[in-house]
Protein backbone atom coordinates (compact mmCIF):
# COMPACT_ATOMS: atom_id res chain seq x y z
CA MET A 1 -81.62 70.48 29.65
CA LEU A 2 -79.71 72.83 31.30
CA SER A 3 -81.98 75.67 32.67
CA LYS A 4 -80.50 79.10 33.25
CA LYS A 5 -80.78 78.49 37.12
CA ASP A 6 -78.30 74.78 36.54
CA LEU A 7 -75.78 76.95 34.20
CA VAL A 8 -75.60 80.18 37.17
CA ARG A 9 -75.07 77.08 39.64
CA GLN A 10 -72.59 75.27 37.77
CA VAL A 11 -70.44 78.45 37.11
CA ALA A 12 -70.74 78.98 40.43
CA GLU A 13 -69.11 75.99 41.52
CA ARG A 14 -66.52 75.50 38.93
CA THR A 15 -65.41 79.74 39.46
CA GLY A 16 -66.42 79.81 43.78
CA LEU A 17 -68.67 83.44 42.92
CA PRO A 18 -71.37 84.21 44.28
CA GLN A 19 -74.44 82.87 42.55
CA GLN A 20 -75.78 86.76 43.19
CA ALA A 21 -72.90 86.60 41.31
CA VAL A 22 -72.75 84.70 38.06
CA GLU A 23 -76.33 84.98 37.66
CA ARG A 24 -75.62 89.11 36.59
CA SER A 25 -72.84 88.35 35.00
CA LEU A 26 -74.06 85.66 32.58
CA ASP A 27 -77.73 88.66 32.67
CA ALA A 28 -75.24 91.49 31.40
CA ILE A 29 -73.35 88.58 28.45
CA LEU A 30 -76.95 87.80 27.21
CA GLU A 31 -78.33 91.59 27.10
CA THR A 32 -74.89 92.29 24.65
CA TYR A 33 -75.12 89.20 22.62
CA ARG A 34 -79.51 90.26 21.66
CA ASP A 35 -78.01 93.25 21.35
CA GLN A 36 -75.82 92.81 18.79
CA LEU A 37 -78.43 90.29 17.15
CA ALA A 38 -80.71 92.90 16.96
CA ALA A 39 -78.37 94.89 14.75
CA GLY A 40 -77.32 92.49 12.79
CA GLU A 41 -74.25 91.49 13.97
CA THR A 42 -73.36 87.85 14.14
CA VAL A 43 -71.90 86.39 17.59
CA ALA A 44 -69.23 84.04 18.11
CA LEU A 45 -68.40 82.08 20.93
CA GLU A 46 -64.75 80.60 20.40
CA HIS A 47 -65.20 76.54 21.05
CA LEU A 48 -69.10 76.87 20.99
CA GLY A 49 -69.73 78.20 17.24
CA ARG A 50 -71.80 81.29 15.93
CA PHE A 51 -74.87 82.96 16.09
CA GLN A 52 -75.90 85.04 12.81
CA VAL A 53 -79.22 86.89 11.61
CA GLU A 54 -80.92 85.96 8.61
CA ARG A 55 -83.27 87.15 6.85
CA ARG A 56 -86.33 85.71 5.38
CA ALA A 57 -88.10 86.55 2.68
CA ALA A 58 -92.15 87.14 2.42
CA ARG A 59 -93.33 83.16 1.09
CA THR A 60 -96.51 82.77 0.18
CA GLY A 61 -98.22 79.18 2.90
CA ARG A 62 -101.74 77.36 3.38
CA ASN A 63 -103.58 77.21 6.31
CA PRO A 64 -102.89 74.67 8.22
CA ALA A 65 -107.47 74.18 8.77
CA THR A 66 -108.56 74.86 5.84
CA GLY A 67 -105.66 75.54 3.42
CA ALA A 68 -107.02 79.13 2.16
CA PRO A 69 -103.54 80.35 1.00
CA LEU A 70 -102.17 83.65 3.23
CA GLU A 71 -99.39 85.28 3.11
CA ILE A 72 -96.61 84.95 5.10
CA PRO A 73 -94.14 87.88 5.92
CA ALA A 74 -90.75 88.91 5.59
CA ARG A 75 -88.33 88.21 8.71
CA LYS A 76 -86.24 88.08 10.65
CA THR A 77 -84.55 84.97 12.15
CA VAL A 78 -81.65 83.62 14.31
CA ARG A 79 -78.97 80.47 12.80
CA PHE A 80 -76.79 79.20 14.91
CA GLN A 81 -74.02 77.60 12.88
CA SER A 82 -71.68 75.32 15.27
CA GLY A 83 -67.91 74.85 15.67
CA LYS A 84 -65.89 73.20 14.39
CA GLN A 85 -64.51 71.95 17.91
CA LEU A 86 -67.90 71.41 19.47
CA VAL A 87 -68.58 69.29 17.00
CA GLU A 88 -65.65 67.33 17.43
CA GLN A 89 -66.10 67.25 20.77
CA LEU A 90 -69.59 65.70 20.58
CA ASN A 91 -68.65 62.72 17.84
CA GLN A 92 -65.77 62.05 20.83
CA THR A 93 -68.53 61.22 23.62
CA HIS A 94 -70.98 59.97 22.39
CA SER A 95 -71.84 57.06 19.45
CA VAL A 96 -73.69 58.96 16.42
CA GLY A 97 -77.85 58.05 17.34
CA GLU A 98 -77.39 58.53 21.11
């Protein structure tokens, strides 16, 4: 897993920028993406994919402990759809099933 700390360190190494500057920039980028998603906008990252807000309808579910029915309210969630270039890169560098 790539943590935020690891990402900041790697970007700093690749760019020669101080880690604090990279972290501030990353925080600003992520805040901008969160704001866009909260506004219902799609966030597209070239060569990676896109994040988009989906609405899930209310539905009836079951309590797993008791089996009693319960209402699950409507809600929003974020869906990621990988880009073609990312999928191609994954399939070139790794065999399927690894």
